[in-house]
Structure formats: structure tokens, C-alpha cells
C-alpha atoms as a PDB file:
ATOM      1  CA  MET A   1       9.506   4.826   4.788  1.00  0.00           C
ATOM      2  CA  PRO A   2      11.166   5.243   7.909  1.00  0.00           C
ATOM      3  CA  LEU A   3      11.529   8.525   9.742  1.00  0.00           C
ATOM      4  CA  ALA A   4      14.201  10.882   8.937  1.00  0.00           C
ATOM      5  CA  ASN A   5      16.022  10.794  12.175  1.00  0.00           C
ATOM      6  CA  SER A   6      16.230   6.972  12.018  1.00  0.00           C
ATOM      7  CA  ARG A   7      18.046   6.669   8.679  1.00  0.00           C
ATOM      8  CA  MET A   8      18.824   3.419   7.178  1.00  0.00           C
ATOM      9  CA  HIS A   9      22.162   2.594   5.641  1.00  0.00           C
ATOM     10  CA  GLY A  10      22.309   0.495   2.528  1.00  0.00           C
ATOM     11  CA  SER A  11      23.506   0.059  -1.079  1.00  0.00           C
ATOM     12  CA  ARG A  12      22.302  -0.363  -4.606  1.00  0.00           C
ATOM     13  CA  ARG A  13      22.852  -3.610  -6.140  1.00  0.00           C
ATOM     14  CA  GLY A  14      25.868  -3.655  -8.493  1.00  0.00           C
ATOM     15  CA  VAL A  15      24.246  -5.174 -11.522  1.00  0.00           C
ATOM     16  CA  ARG A  16      22.959  -3.718 -14.749  1.00  0.00           C
ATOM     17  CA  GLU A  17      24.015  -0.169 -14.060  1.00  0.00           C
ATOM     18  CA  ASP A  18      23.755   0.811 -17.531  1.00  0.00           C
ATOM     19  CA  ILE A  19      20.159   0.987 -17.712  1.00  0.00           C
ATOM     20  CA  GLN A  20      20.352   4.152 -15.904  1.00  0.00           C
ATOM     21  CA  PHE A  21      20.997   6.261 -19.004  1.00  0.00           C
ATOM     22  CA  GLN A  22      17.944   7.243 -20.911  1.00  0.00           C
ATOM     23  CA  THR A  23      17.511   7.224 -24.415  1.00  0.00           C
ATOM     24  CA  GLY A  24      16.919  10.466 -26.733  1.00  0.00           C
ATOM     25  CA  GLY A  25      20.478  11.589 -26.040  1.00  0.00           C
ATOM     26  CA  ARG A  26      19.572  12.399 -22.421  1.00  0.00           C
ATOM     27  CA  MET A  27      22.945  11.437 -21.215  1.00  0.00           C
ATOM     28  CA  ARG A  28      23.394  13.886 -18.608  1.00  0.00           C
ATOM     29  CA  LYS A  29      20.508  12.643 -16.559  1.00  0.00           C
ATOM     30  CA  GLY A  30      21.660   9.165 -16.872  1.00  0.00           C
ATOM     31  CA  VAL A  31      24.942   9.919 -15.529  1.00  0.00           C
ATOM     32  CA  TRP A  32      23.310  11.827 -12.775  1.00  0.00           C
ATOM     33  CA  THR A  33      21.264   8.777 -11.995  1.00  0.00           C
ATOM     34  CA  LEU A  34      24.248   6.485 -12.217  1.00  0.00           C
ATOM     35  CA  LEU A  35      26.392   8.690  -9.522  1.00  0.00           C
ATOM     36  CA  LEU A  36      23.157   8.395  -7.141  1.00  0.00           C
ATOM     37  CA  VAL A  37      23.562   4.491  -7.710  1.00  0.00           C
ATOM     38  CA  LEU A  38      27.144   4.540  -7.176  1.00  0.00           C
ATOM     39  CA  ALA A  39      26.944   6.634  -4.012  1.00  0.00           C
ATOM     40  CA  CYS A  40      24.473   4.283  -2.604  1.00  0.00           C
ATOM     41  CA  LEU A  41      26.921   1.612  -3.438  1.00  0.00           C
ATOM     42  CA  THR A  42      29.634   3.001  -1.110  1.00  0.00           C
ATOM     43  CA  LEU A  43      27.388   2.565   1.851  1.00  0.00           C
ATOM     44  CA  ALA A  44      27.120  -1.082   1.349  1.00  0.00           C
ATOM     45  CA  SER A  45      27.750  -3.749   4.093  1.00  0.00           C
ATOM     46  CA  ALA A  46      28.236  -7.257   3.803  1.00  0.00           C
ATOM     47  CA  GLN A  47      24.843  -9.288   4.059  1.00  0.00           C
ATOM     48  CA  THR A  48      24.190 -13.005   3.313  1.00  0.00           C
ATOM     49  CA  THR A  49      21.720 -14.246   0.819  1.00  0.00           C
ATOM     50  CA  ARG A  50      20.094 -16.835   3.425  1.00  0.00           C
ATOM     51  CA  ASP A  51      17.914 -15.386   6.421  1.00  0.00           C
ATOM     52  CA  ALA A  52      19.048 -16.734   9.825  1.00  0.00           C
ATOM     53  CA  LYS A  53      15.495 -16.035  11.042  1.00  0.00           C
ATOM     54  CA  HIS A  54      12.763 -15.498   8.249  1.00  0.00           C
ATOM     55  CA  VAL A  55      12.108 -11.895   8.887  1.00  0.00           C
ATOM     56  CA  VAL A  56       9.583 -10.125   6.367  1.00  0.00           C
ATOM     57  CA  PRO A  57       8.623  -6.637   5.392  1.00  0.00           C
ATOM     58  CA  THR A  58       5.727  -4.967   7.050  1.00  0.00           C
ATOM     59  CA  GLY A  59       5.881  -2.080   4.431  1.00  0.00           C
ATOM     60  CA  LYS A  60       6.668   0.655   6.904  1.00  0.00           C
ATOM     61  CA  GLY A  61      10.336   0.461   6.687  1.00  0.00           C
ATOM     62  CA  TRP A  62      11.377  -2.398   9.098  1.00  0.00           C
ATOM     63  CA  GLY A  63      10.839  -6.071   9.322  1.00  0.00           C
ATOM     64  CA  VAL A  64       9.176  -8.550  11.664  1.00  0.00           C
ATOM     65  CA  GLU A  65       9.619 -12.198  12.220  1.00  0.00           C
ATOM     66  CA  SER A  66       7.289 -14.192  10.211  1.00  0.00           C
ATOM     67  CA  THR A  67       5.103 -16.903  12.061  1.00  0.00           C
ATOM     68  CA  THR A  68       5.247 -18.944   9.247  1.00  0.00           C
ATOM     69  CA  ALA A  69       8.034 -21.097   7.781  1.00  0.00           C
ATOM     70  CA  PRO A  70      10.110 -19.499   4.803  1.00  0.00           C
ATOM     71  CA  PRO A  71      10.306 -20.917   1.457  1.00  0.00           C
ATOM     72  CA  VAL A  72      11.922 -24.434   1.115  1.00  0.00           C
ATOM     73  CA  ASP A  73      14.338 -23.255  -1.851  1.00  0.00           C
ATOM     74  CA  PRO A  74      13.634 -19.347  -2.254  1.00  0.00           C
ATOM     75  CA  TYR A  75      15.374 -18.126  -5.614  1.00  0.00           C
ATOM     76  CA  SER A  76      18.344 -15.803  -4.720  1.00  0.00           C
ATOM     77  CA  VAL A  77      20.034 -13.236  -6.689  1.00  0.00           C
ATOM     78  CA  THR A  78      23.871 -13.232  -7.003  1.00  0.00           C
ATOM     79  CA  GLN A  79      25.448 -13.922  -3.545  1.00  0.00           C
ATOM     80  CA  GLY A  80      26.205 -10.687  -1.482  1.00  0.00           C
ATOM     81  CA  ASN A  81      24.074  -8.152  -3.452  1.00  0.00           C
ATOM     82  CA  GLY A  82      22.160  -7.803  -0.174  1.00  0.00           C
ATOM     83  CA  ILE A  83      18.672  -8.507  -1.282  1.00  0.00           C
ATOM     84  CA  ASN A  84      16.905 -11.389  -1.990  1.00  0.00           C
ATOM     85  CA  TYR A  85      13.848 -12.854  -4.116  1.00  0.00           C
ATOM     86  CA  HIS A  86      11.308 -14.663  -2.089  1.00  0.00           C
ATOM     87  CA  GLY A  87       8.930 -15.880  -4.615  1.00  0.00           C
ATOM     88  CA  GLY A  88       6.095 -13.453  -4.653  1.00  0.00           C
ATOM     89  CA  PRO A  89       4.950 -11.316  -7.698  1.00  0.00           C
ATOM     90  CA  VAL A  90       6.209  -7.908  -8.916  1.00  0.00           C
ATOM     91  CA  MET A  91       4.121  -5.573 -10.634  1.00  0.00           C
ATOM     92  CA  ALA A  92       5.208  -5.513 -14.543  1.00  0.00           C
ATOM     93  CA  GLY A  93       2.548  -3.530 -16.004  1.00  0.00           C
ATOM     94  CA  ASN A  94       3.618  -0.948 -18.486  1.00  0.00           C
ATOM     95  CA  PRO A  95       2.876   1.268 -16.901  1.00  0.00           C
ATOM     96  CA  VAL A  96       1.953   0.585 -13.303  1.00  0.00           C
ATOM     97  CA  ASN A  97      -1.211   2.732 -12.824  1.00  0.00           C
ATOM     98  CA  VAL A  98      -1.364   5.164  -9.940  1.00  0.00           C
ATOM     99  CA  TYR A  99      -4.403   6.724  -8.464  1.00  0.00           C
ATOM    100  CA  PHE A 100      -4.457   9.543  -5.986  1.00  0.00           C
ATOM    101  CA  ILE A 101      -7.146   9.935  -2.809  1.00  0.00           C
ATOM    102  CA  TRP A 102      -6.748  13.471  -1.538  1.00  0.00           C
ATOM    103  CA  TYR A 103      -7.999  13.164   1.903  1.00  0.00           C
ATOM    104  CA  GLY A 104      -9.048  15.994   4.013  1.00  0.00           C
ATOM    105  CA  ASN A 105      -8.644  19.770   3.246  1.00  0.00           C
ATOM    106  CA  TRP A 106      -6.113  20.214   0.332  1.00  0.00           C
ATOM    107  CA  THR A 107      -8.030  23.716  -0.743  1.00  0.00           C
ATOM    108  CA  ASN A 108      -7.331  25.941   2.453  1.00  0.00           C
ATOM    109  CA  GLY A 109      -6.024  23.562   5.157  1.00  0.00           C
ATOM    110  CA  PRO A 110      -4.284  24.530   8.443  1.00  0.00           C
ATOM    111  CA  ARG A 111      -0.766  24.663   6.615  1.00  0.00           C
ATOM    112  CA  PRO A 112       0.095  26.610   3.518  1.00  0.00           C
ATOM    113  CA  SER A 113       0.725  23.234   1.831  1.00  0.00           C
ATOM    114  CA  ASP A 114      -2.812  22.082   2.343  1.00  0.00           C
ATOM    115  CA  SER A 115      -3.186  23.460  -1.019  1.00  0.00           C
ATOM    116  CA  GLN A 116      -3.919  22.929  -4.688  1.00  0.00           C
ATOM    117  CA  VAL A 117      -0.439  23.990  -5.354  1.00  0.00           C
ATOM    118  CA  THR A 118       0.668  20.800  -3.611  1.00  0.00           C
ATOM    119  CA  VAL A 119      -1.709  18.839  -5.503  1.00  0.00           C
ATOM    120  CA  GLY A 120      -0.563  20.194  -8.804  1.00  0.00           C
ATOM    121  CA  LEU A 121       3.003  19.658  -8.032  1.00  0.00           C
ATOM    122  CA  LEU A 122       2.575  16.044  -6.878  1.00  0.00           C
ATOM    123  CA  GLU A 123       0.210  15.188  -9.910  1.00  0.00           C
ATOM    124  CA  SER A 124       2.771  16.460 -12.165  1.00  0.00           C
ATOM    125  CA  LEU A 125       5.504  14.373 -10.621  1.00  0.00           C
ATOM    126  CA  PHE A 126       3.362  11.237 -11.912  1.00  0.00           C
ATOM    127  CA  GLY A 127       2.107  12.884 -14.851  1.00  0.00           C
ATOM    128  CA  SER A 128       3.608  13.147 -18.372  1.00  0.00           C
ATOM    129  CA  GLY A 129       7.412  13.863 -18.520  1.00  0.00           C
ATOM    130  CA  GLY A 130       7.333  12.903 -14.782  1.00  0.00           C
ATOM    131  CA  ILE A 131       8.913  10.042 -12.780  1.00  0.00           C
ATOM    132  CA  GLY A 132       7.761   7.151 -14.978  1.00  0.00           C
ATOM    133  CA  GLY A 133      10.125   5.836 -17.292  1.00  0.00           C
ATOM    134  CA  SER A 134      12.917   8.234 -16.139  1.00  0.00           C
ATOM    135  CA  GLY A 135      16.366   6.733 -15.327  1.00  0.00           C
ATOM    136  CA  TYR A 136      15.497   6.816 -11.877  1.00  0.00           C
ATOM    137  CA  GLU A 137      12.573   4.660 -12.127  1.00  0.00           C
ATOM    138  CA  LYS A 138      14.119   2.220 -14.410  1.00  0.00           C
ATOM    139  CA  ILE A 139      16.486   1.167 -11.658  1.00  0.00           C
ATOM    140  CA  ASN A 140      13.578  -1.240 -10.906  1.00  0.00           C
ATOM    141  CA  THR A 141      13.682  -2.786 -13.952  1.00  0.00           C
ATOM    142  CA  THR A 142      16.550  -5.079 -12.330  1.00  0.00           C
ATOM    143  CA  TYR A 143      13.825  -6.759 -10.125  1.00  0.00           C
ATOM    144  CA  GLY A 144      11.753  -9.530 -11.698  1.00  0.00           C
ATOM    145  CA  ASP A 145       9.611 -12.541 -10.544  1.00  0.00           C
ATOM    146  CA  ASN A 146       9.525 -15.981 -12.734  1.00  0.00           C
ATOM    147  CA  THR A 147       7.751 -14.558 -15.385  1.00  0.00           C
ATOM    148  CA  ASN A 148       8.546 -10.700 -16.032  1.00  0.00           C
ATOM    149  CA  ASN A 149      10.523  -7.930 -14.610  1.00  0.00           C
ATOM    150  CA  VAL A 150       9.235  -4.342 -13.288  1.00  0.00           C
ATOM    151  CA  SER A 151       8.649  -1.990 -16.321  1.00  0.00           C
ATOM    152  CA  GLY A 152      10.018   0.956 -14.729  1.00  0.00           C
ATOM    153  CA  ASN A 153       7.302   2.763 -15.971  1.00  0.00           C
ATOM    154  CA  ILE A 154       4.574   4.407 -13.702  1.00  0.00           C
ATOM    155  CA  ALA A 155       1.877   7.055 -14.461  1.00  0.00           C
ATOM    156  CA  ARG A 156      -1.051   8.580 -12.601  1.00  0.00           C
ATOM    157  CA  VAL A 157      -4.444   7.586 -14.308  1.00  0.00           C
ATOM    158  CA  SER A 158      -7.105   9.933 -11.888  1.00  0.00           C
ATOM    159  CA  SER A 159      -7.519  11.242  -8.840  1.00  0.00           C
ATOM    160  CA  THR A 160     -10.465  11.837  -6.246  1.00  0.00           C
ATOM    161  CA  THR A 161     -11.033  13.635  -2.945  1.00  0.00           C
ATOM    162  CA  ASP A 162     -12.516  12.326   0.381  1.00  0.00           C
ATOM    163  CA  ASN A 163     -13.656  14.957   2.588  1.00  0.00           C
ATOM    164  CA  TYR A 164     -12.877  13.371   6.047  1.00  0.00           C
ATOM    165  CA  SER A 165     -15.001  10.391   5.866  1.00  0.00           C
ATOM    166  CA  HIS A 166     -13.245   8.981   8.594  1.00  0.00           C
ATOM    167  CA  GLY A 167     -12.448  11.963  10.514  1.00  0.00           C
ATOM    168  CA  THR A 168      -8.995  13.091  10.989  1.00  0.00           C
ATOM    169  CA  ARG A 169      -7.611  10.395  13.051  1.00  0.00           C
ATOM    170  CA  LEU A 170      -7.019   7.385  10.535  1.00  0.00           C
ATOM    171  CA  SER A 171      -6.018   3.792  11.381  1.00  0.00           C
ATOM    172  CA  ASP A 172      -4.521   1.328   8.900  1.00  0.00           C
ATOM    173  CA  SER A 173      -7.727  -0.232   8.416  1.00  0.00           C
ATOM    174  CA  GLY A 174      -9.227   2.907   7.695  1.00  0.00           C
ATOM    175  CA  VAL A 175      -6.705   3.827   5.221  1.00  0.00           C
ATOM    176  CA  GLN A 176      -8.094   0.611   3.490  1.00  0.00           C
ATOM    177  CA  ALA A 177     -11.508   1.576   3.836  1.00  0.00           C
ATOM    178  CA  VAL A 178     -10.756   5.108   2.126  1.00  0.00           C
ATOM    179  CA  VAL A 179      -9.659   2.933  -0.678  1.00  0.00           C
ATOM    180  CA  SER A 180     -12.411   0.706  -0.773  1.00  0.00           C
ATOM    181  CA  SER A 181     -14.694   3.342  -0.835  1.00  0.00           C
ATOM    182  CA  ALA A 182     -13.554   5.228  -3.771  1.00  0.00           C
ATOM    183  CA  ILE A 183     -13.530   1.862  -5.930  1.00  0.00           C
ATOM    184  CA  SER A 184     -16.821   0.885  -4.755  1.00  0.00           C
ATOM    185  CA  SER A 185     -18.759   4.493  -5.357  1.00  0.00           C
ATOM    186  CA  GLY A 186     -17.011   4.157  -8.929  1.00  0.00           C
ATOM    187  CA  ARG A 187     -14.877   7.037  -8.045  1.00  0.00           C
ATOM    188  CA  LEU A 188     -11.988   5.234  -9.021  1.00  0.00           C
ATOM    189  CA  PRO A 189     -11.786   1.997 -10.970  1.00  0.00           C
ATOM    190  CA  LYS A 190     -10.723  -1.271  -9.671  1.00  0.00           C
ATOM    191  CA  ASP A 191      -7.405  -2.068 -10.691  1.00  0.00           C
ATOM    192  CA  THR A 192      -5.103  -4.937  -9.966  1.00  0.00           C
ATOM    193  CA  ASN A 193      -2.460  -3.223 -11.928  1.00  0.00           C
ATOM    194  CA  GLY A 194      -2.791  -0.021  -9.734  1.00  0.00           C
ATOM    195  CA  VAL A 195      -1.223   1.891  -6.670  1.00  0.00           C
ATOM    196  CA  TYR A 196      -3.676   3.657  -4.868  1.00  0.00           C
ATOM    197  CA  PHE A 197      -2.030   6.681  -2.844  1.00  0.00           C
ATOM    198  CA  VAL A 198      -4.066   7.905   0.206  1.00  0.00           C
ATOM    199  CA  LEU A 199      -2.696  11.471   0.740  1.00  0.00           C
ATOM    200  CA  THR A 200      -3.709  13.193   3.990  1.00  0.00           C
ATOM    201  CA  SER A 201      -3.622  16.922   4.856  1.00  0.00           C
ATOM    202  CA  SER A 202      -1.779  17.972   7.634  1.00  0.00           C
ATOM    203  CA  ASP A 203      -4.485  17.940  10.233  1.00  0.00           C
ATOM    204  CA  VAL A 204      -4.913  14.423   9.525  1.00  0.00           C
ATOM    205  CA  ARG A 205      -3.391  11.799  12.161  1.00  0.00           C
ATOM    206  CA  GLU A 206      -2.604   8.305  10.919  1.00  0.00           C
ATOM    207  CA  THR A 207      -2.821   6.530  14.223  1.00  0.00           C
ATOM    208  CA  SER A 208      -0.216   3.452  13.824  1.00  0.00           C
ATOM    209  CA  GLY A 209       2.836   5.563  13.704  1.00  0.00           C
ATOM    210  CA  PHE A 210       2.648   8.590  11.309  1.00  0.00           C
ATOM    211  CA  CYS A 211       5.397  11.228  12.423  1.00  0.00           C
ATOM    212  CA  THR A 212       6.444   8.993  15.176  1.00  0.00           C
ATOM    213  CA  GLN A 213       7.299   5.461  13.442  1.00  0.00           C
ATOM    214  CA  TYR A 214       7.009   6.223   9.907  1.00  0.00           C
ATOM    215  CA  CYS A 215       6.358   8.836   7.205  1.00  0.00           C
ATOM    216  CA  GLY A 216       4.503   6.373   4.673  1.00  0.00           C
ATOM    217  CA  TRP A 217       3.934   3.059   4.010  1.00  0.00           C
ATOM    218  CA  HIS A 218       2.298   0.661   1.545  1.00  0.00           C
ATOM    219  CA  THR A 219       0.590  -2.901   1.607  1.00  0.00           C
ATOM    220  CA  ARG A 220      -2.338  -5.025  -0.071  1.00  0.00           C
ATOM    221  CA  GLY A 221      -5.726  -5.844   0.625  1.00  0.00           C
ATOM    222  CA  THR A 222      -8.566  -7.644  -0.830  1.00  0.00           C
ATOM    223  CA  ILE A 223     -11.091  -5.143  -1.899  1.00  0.00           C
ATOM    224  CA  SER A 224     -14.201  -5.700  -4.237  1.00  0.00           C
ATOM    225  CA  GLY A 225     -12.898  -9.189  -4.373  1.00  0.00           C
ATOM    226  CA  ALA A 226      -9.507  -8.088  -5.901  1.00  0.00           C
ATOM    227  CA  ASP A 227      -5.871  -7.879  -4.574  1.00  0.00           C
ATOM    228  CA  ILE A 228      -5.674  -4.082  -4.433  1.00  0.00           C
ATOM    229  CA  LYS A 229      -2.151  -2.426  -3.553  1.00  0.00           C
ATOM    230  CA  TYR A 230      -2.211   1.136  -1.690  1.00  0.00           C
ATOM    231  CA  SER A 231      -0.117   3.564   0.171  1.00  0.00           C
ATOM    232  CA  PHE A 232      -0.336   6.256   2.874  1.00  0.00           C
ATOM    233  CA  VAL A 233       1.407   9.219   2.744  1.00  0.00           C
ATOM    234  CA  GLY A 234       0.629  12.179   4.887  1.00  0.00           C
ATOM    235  CA  ASN A 235       1.747  15.893   4.503  1.00  0.00           C
ATOM    236  CA  PRO A 236       5.081  16.049   6.435  1.00  0.00           C
ATOM    237  CA  ASP A 237       4.581  19.529   7.279  1.00  0.00           C
ATOM    238  CA  ARG A 238       2.791  17.881  10.319  1.00  0.00           C
ATOM    239  CA  CYS A 239       6.203  17.034  11.528  1.00  0.00           C
ATOM    240  CA  PRO A 240       8.899  18.174   9.393  1.00  0.00           C
ATOM    241  CA  SER A 241      11.775  17.452  11.781  1.00  0.00           C
ATOM    242  CA  ALA A 242      10.483  13.526  11.413  1.00  0.00           C
ATOM    243  CA  CYS A 243       9.651  13.515   7.758  1.00  0.00           C
ATOM    244  CA  GLU A 244      11.300  16.483   5.760  1.00  0.00           C
ATOM    245  CA  MET A 245      14.914  16.572   4.495  1.00  0.00           C
ATOM    246  CA  GLN A 246      14.652  20.304   4.369  1.00  0.00           C
ATOM    247  CA  THR A 247      12.214  22.975   5.025  1.00  0.00           C
ATOM    248  CA  VAL A 248      13.579  25.146   2.293  1.00  0.00           C
ATOM    249  CA  SER A 249      12.565  23.031  -0.609  1.00  0.00           C
ATOM    250  CA  PRO A 250      13.219  23.265  -4.455  1.00  0.00           C
ATOM    251  CA  ASN A 251       9.454  24.023  -5.034  1.00  0.00           C
ATOM    252  CA  GLY A 252       9.031  26.609  -2.367  1.00  0.00           C
ATOM    253  CA  ASP A 253       6.391  24.031  -1.171  1.00  0.00           C
ATOM    254  CA  SER A 254       7.997  21.889   1.739  1.00  0.00           C
ATOM    255  CA  GLY A 255       5.007  19.511   2.039  1.00  0.00           C
ATOM    256  CA  ALA A 256       4.812  18.709  -1.495  1.00  0.00           C
ATOM    257  CA  ASP A 257       8.728  18.229  -1.702  1.00  0.00           C
ATOM    258  CA  GLY A 258       8.569  15.915   1.302  1.00  0.00           C
ATOM    259  CA  MET A 259       5.687  13.841  -0.038  1.00  0.00           C
ATOM    260  CA  ALA A 260       7.480  13.429  -3.305  1.00  0.00           C
ATOM    261  CA  ASN A 261      10.232  11.809  -1.728  1.00  0.00           C
ATOM    262  CA  VAL A 262       8.084   9.357   0.262  1.00  0.00           C
ATOM    263  CA  MET A 263       5.979   8.686  -2.739  1.00  0.00           C
ATOM    264  CA  ALA A 264       8.916   7.865  -4.670  1.00  0.00           C
ATOM    265  CA  HIS A 265      10.046   5.390  -2.105  1.00  0.00           C
ATOM    266  CA  GLU A 266       6.711   3.842  -1.763  1.00  0.00           C
ATOM    267  CA  SER A 267       6.127   3.488  -5.440  1.00  0.00           C
ATOM    268  CA  GLU A 268       9.393   1.627  -5.822  1.00  0.00           C
ATOM    269  CA  GLU A 269       8.993  -0.791  -3.244  1.00  0.00           C
ATOM    270  CA  THR A 270       5.105  -1.331  -4.228  1.00  0.00           C
ATOM    271  CA  ALA A 271       6.420  -2.316  -7.907  1.00  0.00           C
ATOM    272  CA  SER A 272       9.140  -4.628  -6.505  1.00  0.00           C
ATOM    273  CA  ASP A 273       7.353  -6.017  -3.282  1.00  0.00           C
ATOM    274  CA  PRO A 274       3.727  -5.527  -3.892  1.00  0.00           C
ATOM    275  CA  ASP A 275       2.290  -8.146  -1.603  1.00  0.00           C
ATOM    276  CA  LEU A 276       5.100  -7.898   0.623  1.00  0.00           C
ATOM    277  CA  ASN A 277       6.551 -11.594  -0.345  1.00  0.00           C
ATOM    278  CA  ALA A 278       9.028 -10.599  -3.184  1.00  0.00           C
ATOM    279  CA  TRP A 279      12.025  -8.636  -2.937  1.00  0.00           C
ATOM    280  CA  TYR A 280      13.456  -7.768   0.628  1.00  0.00           C
ATOM    281  CA  ASP A 281      16.849  -8.448   2.708  1.00  0.00           C
ATOM    282  CA  SER A 282      17.400 -10.510   5.666  1.00  0.00           C
ATOM    283  CA  SER A 283      16.249  -7.924   8.049  1.00  0.00           C
ATOM    284  CA  GLY A 284      12.847  -7.446   6.243  1.00  0.00           C
ATOM    285  CA  ALA A 285      14.053  -4.012   4.542  1.00  0.00           C
ATOM    286  CA  GLU A 286      12.808  -3.540   0.734  1.00  0.00           C
ATOM    287  CA  ASN A 287      14.945  -1.915  -1.921  1.00  0.00           C
ATOM    288  CA  ALA A 288      13.770   1.681  -0.967  1.00  0.00           C
ATOM    289  CA  ASP A 289      14.388   1.231   2.652  1.00  0.00           C
ATOM    290  CA  LYS A 290      17.838   0.328   1.972  1.00  0.00           C
ATOM    291  CA  CYS A 291      18.577   3.939   0.632  1.00  0.00           C
ATOM    292  CA  ALA A 292      16.105   5.722   3.070  1.00  0.00           C
ATOM    293  CA  TRP A 293      17.134   9.436   3.568  1.00  0.00           C
ATOM    294  CA  LYS A 294      20.257   9.247   1.280  1.00  0.00           C
ATOM    295  CA  PHE A 295      20.258  11.288  -1.725  1.00  0.00           C
ATOM    296  CA  GLY A 296      23.880  11.513  -3.059  1.00  0.00           C
ATOM    297  CA  PRO A 297      25.211  14.532  -5.094  1.00  0.00           C
ATOM    298  CA  THR A 298      22.717  17.597  -5.104  1.00  0.00           C
ATOM    299  CA  THR A 299      22.423  20.882  -6.794  1.00  0.00           C
ATOM    300  CA  GLY A 300      22.628  23.419  -3.688  1.00  0.00           C
ATOM    301  CA  GLY A 301      23.208  22.248  -0.442  1.00  0.00           C
ATOM    302  CA  ILE A 302      20.535  20.381   1.903  1.00  0.00           C
ATOM    303  CA  GLY A 303      18.497  22.910   3.513  1.00  0.00           C
ATOM    304  CA  ASN A 304      18.676  25.348   0.515  1.00  0.00           C
ATOM    305  CA  GLY A 305      16.231  24.262  -1.780  1.00  0.00           C
ATOM    306  CA  ALA A 306      18.983  21.184  -2.655  1.00  0.00           C
ATOM    307  CA  TYR A 307      17.674  19.079  -5.424  1.00  0.00           C
ATOM    308  CA  ASN A 308      18.938  15.974  -7.463  1.00  0.00           C
ATOM    309  CA  GLU A 309      16.368  15.176  -9.964  1.00  0.00           C
ATOM    310  CA  THR A 310      14.003  17.001 -12.508  1.00  0.00           C
ATOM    311  CA  PHE A 311      10.765  15.576 -13.540  1.00  0.00           C
ATOM    312  CA  GLY A 312       7.678  17.141 -14.685  1.00  0.00           C
ATOM    313  CA  ASN A 313       9.318  20.616 -15.345  1.00  0.00           C
ATOM    314  CA  HIS A 314      10.203  20.696 -11.706  1.00  0.00           C
ATOM    315  CA  ASN A 315      13.204  19.811  -9.466  1.00  0.00           C
ATOM    316  CA  TRP A 316      12.985  17.282  -6.877  1.00  0.00           C
ATOM    317  CA  LEU A 317      15.170  16.012  -4.121  1.00  0.00           C
ATOM    318  CA  ILE A 318      14.494  12.205  -4.262  1.00  0.00           C
ATOM    319  CA  GLN A 319      16.231   9.584  -2.380  1.00  0.00           C
ATOM    320  CA  MET A 320      18.292   6.858  -4.077  1.00  0.00           C
ATOM    321  CA  ASN A 321      17.205   3.257  -4.636  1.00  0.00           C
ATOM    322  CA  TRP A 322      18.850  -0.035  -4.339  1.00  0.00           C
END
């Protein structure tokens, strides 16, 4: 996910908007999500469906020119919607399983948000009654591959901790090593239908650009012989001006609220583009990148605990999705 001070403009695809409405009479929330979609739509700019250069996503909020040839005849969605399918798989599990690795000090770390309060808030976001299966998450059901569509359901299965096994400086390869250790030790299962979040306390630096180039990212790797999807998200209280929309947050925990937005972003992209070869636009931006730091209508003003979604009995400020 790009930094807050490098916000990317984009729009939501104008197809199948009716899926935003949840069942069980929860029309108001469906309308709210639809308003977010329409608000994102107003930011649209014309884009072609064929890439002038074959630019691929990095999972960090920007694209790079590929050194390999593009697909000869990639399947494209309706012309002008601004995002194309490039032949790779999506995550169609119902649900897609989520695993948390709490790296560092999440009991009494250097900032107040390095705490079990943050742990509880974020585990509730991906728990029962949380973001999984919500109207927001079901935006992703419009993305599919040649066999299935994303289910729009995501749920945390289990969590583990890592007490600075790689110190307070983590490289990209170090993040993968943290995931690999959690799986090989049996603390977490090996799950190709899973997304593993490495969540770092505020004293941990991700050396490839956390707080200076991105707020979080996702990718995949071969771990224990399997294609494993994983994501890095750090505590944004390390750099609130770069990775938090507001320091006065709806849950009174700026770190948790900032992480929630980044985690929603990365989970949306991992489901629709898990191997970085499925859904992205001509610049290499994935679906959530195209609406990064765009929130639509909110209750309360930005900076005063504003929120636009309610999941897991808590209010959240979550960006729109394309």
C-alpha cells in the first residue's frame, strides 16, 4: 500500500454494483458501501485495456516494467473499466483463511498501540461478524479467473507470536523467513488457501521502505514446497504522517485503526491478485491501489475519529475498493 502522502487516484469498476447489498435486511450498510463505490467512481480517468508496456505489480503499490513478454492474448474485461485480467489465479476459497504473526513486542512496546488492545481489535476485524462476507468484502466477487470468482469471504483461523527472531530490522526476505518459521515449527498450518500477515510492533523497521515508500505489501513465495501468500503490515504509529489518515481514531487506538486500513487493502489485493499475475491495470496498480487513501462519505470529520464501516462491533475507517 502506498504512503498517505502519495495518494493514488482511481475508480471502482462500474459493474455488478448490486452485490454491495447484504442479505438479512441490512440494506443501510449495503447503501453505505454502494455510496463508497460510487464516490470512487467519480475519480475515474480513461484507461486503455491493453498495456503499451507490460508493467506488472510489485505488491507494494506501484508497478515495474516486466523483463518477460506479456501474455499473447490476455483475457480482458469490458473496455474502459481500467483494470485487466492477465491470466493468473485468484483466491476463491470460501473463506480465504487468514493467519496473524504478531512480530515484536505486542504487550508493552514503546508506543501505547503496541499492546494487546491492538491485538484484540484487529483479530475482531477478521473474526466473527467482521469484514469477511461483508458488503465491502463482496466487492471482490467481481474478480475471477477462468474457473472461479473470489468468494468475498475471509476469516482469521489462528495467530502466533514471534519475539524478534530477526531483530528489529526486517528485510523482505526476513519477512518470508518469519512466515516460513511459523509454518515449519507447526505454530501455524501450511495453507495454500491462506494469507499470512506479519504484523510488526512500532520498534521494527522493514528495511525495503516501510514508512518511506509504503505502509504494507503482499506477495507470495515457495515455502515448505507450497505456494504461500503473505503480507507485511507494520504499526503505523512509527510514522503516523505517512501511514495514518487520522491520529484521533474511531477506536481510540491510532495504531490499530491505521493497520486495519492497510490490512483491508492488502487482503483485497491478495484475494484478487495473489501471485501478482491476475488483476491489475496498465501501470501495475492492483484493485485496492486504485482507491488508496480514498474513503468516501464518513460519519464524523477526518481527523476527529471518522469512520465509514462497522465490523466486529467496532467502527473503522476503511478505504474504498475498485
